[in-house]
Amino acid sequence: MPQAGFPQAECLGPGWGNPSERDPEDVLRHVLNEYVRVEKAREIYKVAIDPVARRILEDETRSLRSR
């Protein structure tokens, strides 16, 4: 007998819509909770994060989002 199950989906982070318009604090929270890697936060969400200080790099994030 075949086993019943649920389809599995993978999510990459917080919110809906354009990833570069997501609240940087939400992205940071997901990075700190290890749902999103620092590199993906920068690449997908345009949020620069200092992984040692565990904070958003505001000027760099602004620059990434202005491109």
C-alpha atoms as a PDB file:
ATOM      1  CA  MET A   1       0.000   0.000   0.000  1.00  0.00           C
ATOM      2  CA  PRO A   2       1.480   3.432  -0.908  1.00  0.00           C
ATOM      3  CA  GLN A   3       2.303   5.709   1.961  1.00  0.00           C
ATOM      4  CA  ALA A   4       0.436   8.966   2.267  1.00  0.00           C
ATOM      5  CA  GLY A   5       2.439  12.110   2.819  1.00  0.00           C
ATOM      6  CA  PHE A   6       2.592  15.797   2.369  1.00  0.00           C
ATOM      7  CA  PRO A   7       4.597  17.625  -0.259  1.00  0.00           C
ATOM      8  CA  GLN A   8       7.600  19.371   1.164  1.00  0.00           C
ATOM      9  CA  ALA A   9       8.497  22.931   0.270  1.00  0.00           C
ATOM     10  CA  GLU A  10      11.638  24.854   1.052  1.00  0.00           C
ATOM     11  CA  CYS A  11      11.382  28.496   2.061  1.00  0.00           C
ATOM     12  CA  LEU A  12      14.202  30.979   1.986  1.00  0.00           C
ATOM     13  CA  GLY A  13      13.109  33.640   4.395  1.00  0.00           C
ATOM     14  CA  PRO A  14      10.766  36.219   5.762  1.00  0.00           C
ATOM     15  CA  GLY A  15       7.768  37.809   4.095  1.00  0.00           C
ATOM     16  CA  TRP A  16       6.144  38.087   0.694  1.00  0.00           C
ATOM     17  CA  GLY A  17       6.878  40.073  -2.438  1.00  0.00           C
ATOM     18  CA  ASN A  18      10.150  41.522  -3.614  1.00  0.00           C
ATOM     19  CA  PRO A  19      12.924  40.115  -1.381  1.00  0.00           C
ATOM     20  CA  SER A  20      14.944  43.344  -1.561  1.00  0.00           C
ATOM     21  CA  GLU A  21      12.024  45.208   0.036  1.00  0.00           C
ATOM     22  CA  ARG A  22      11.813  42.990   3.104  1.00  0.00           C
ATOM     23  CA  ASP A  23      12.448  44.513   6.505  1.00  0.00           C
ATOM     24  CA  PRO A  24      16.183  44.124   7.194  1.00  0.00           C
ATOM     25  CA  GLU A  25      15.434  43.348  10.858  1.00  0.00           C
ATOM     26  CA  ASP A  26      13.314  40.366   9.769  1.00  0.00           C
ATOM     27  CA  VAL A  27      16.132  39.149   7.541  1.00  0.00           C
ATOM     28  CA  LEU A  28      18.633  39.556  10.389  1.00  0.00           C
ATOM     29  CA  ARG A  29      16.360  37.585  12.718  1.00  0.00           C
ATOM     30  CA  HIS A  30      16.207  34.756  10.167  1.00  0.00           C
ATOM     31  CA  VAL A  31      19.988  34.771   9.819  1.00  0.00           C
ATOM     32  CA  LEU A  32      20.446  34.641  13.593  1.00  0.00           C
ATOM     33  CA  ASN A  33      17.951  31.759  13.803  1.00  0.00           C
ATOM     34  CA  GLU A  34      19.881  30.004  10.997  1.00  0.00           C
ATOM     35  CA  TYR A  35      17.005  29.962   8.494  1.00  0.00           C
ATOM     36  CA  VAL A  36      18.999  32.072   6.015  1.00  0.00           C
ATOM     37  CA  ARG A  37      22.769  32.216   5.521  1.00  0.00           C
ATOM     38  CA  VAL A  38      24.615  35.548   5.643  1.00  0.00           C
ATOM     39  CA  GLU A  39      25.609  35.145   1.989  1.00  0.00           C
ATOM     40  CA  LYS A  40      21.997  34.587   0.900  1.00  0.00           C
ATOM     41  CA  ALA A  41      20.809  37.538   2.982  1.00  0.00           C
ATOM     42  CA  ARG A  42      23.171  39.697   0.935  1.00  0.00           C
ATOM     43  CA  GLU A  43      22.490  38.057  -2.437  1.00  0.00           C
ATOM     44  CA  ILE A  44      18.710  37.619  -2.256  1.00  0.00           C
ATOM     45  CA  TYR A  45      17.471  40.157   0.304  1.00  0.00           C
ATOM     46  CA  LYS A  46      20.156  42.814  -0.250  1.00  0.00           C
ATOM     47  CA  VAL A  47      20.896  42.965   3.476  1.00  0.00           C
ATOM     48  CA  ALA A  48      24.531  43.146   4.571  1.00  0.00           C
ATOM     49  CA  ILE A  49      25.090  41.498   7.945  1.00  0.00           C
ATOM     50  CA  ASP A  50      28.172  41.379  10.140  1.00  0.00           C
ATOM     51  CA  PRO A  51      28.092  37.776  11.408  1.00  0.00           C
ATOM     52  CA  VAL A  52      30.525  38.466  14.261  1.00  0.00           C
ATOM     53  CA  ALA A  53      28.770  41.562  15.630  1.00  0.00           C
ATOM     54  CA  ARG A  54      25.391  40.007  14.667  1.00  0.00           C
ATOM     55  CA  ARG A  55      24.064  43.268  13.271  1.00  0.00           C
ATOM     56  CA  ILE A  56      22.956  44.874  10.020  1.00  0.00           C
ATOM     57  CA  LEU A  57      25.534  46.945   8.183  1.00  0.00           C
ATOM     58  CA  GLU A  58      23.223  49.875   7.437  1.00  0.00           C
ATOM     59  CA  ASP A  59      25.342  51.795   4.905  1.00  0.00           C
ATOM     60  CA  GLU A  60      26.219  48.667   2.947  1.00  0.00           C
ATOM     61  CA  THR A  61      22.590  47.502   2.954  1.00  0.00           C
ATOM     62  CA  ARG A  62      21.467  50.892   1.635  1.00  0.00           C
ATOM     63  CA  SER A  63      24.075  50.659  -1.103  1.00  0.00           C
ATOM     64  CA  LEU A  64      23.022  47.136  -2.090  1.00  0.00           C
ATOM     65  CA  ARG A  65      19.371  48.151  -2.242  1.00  0.00           C
ATOM     66  CA  SER A  66      20.031  51.268  -4.329  1.00  0.00           C
ATOM     67  CA  ARG A  67      21.474  49.280  -7.255  1.00  0.00           C
END
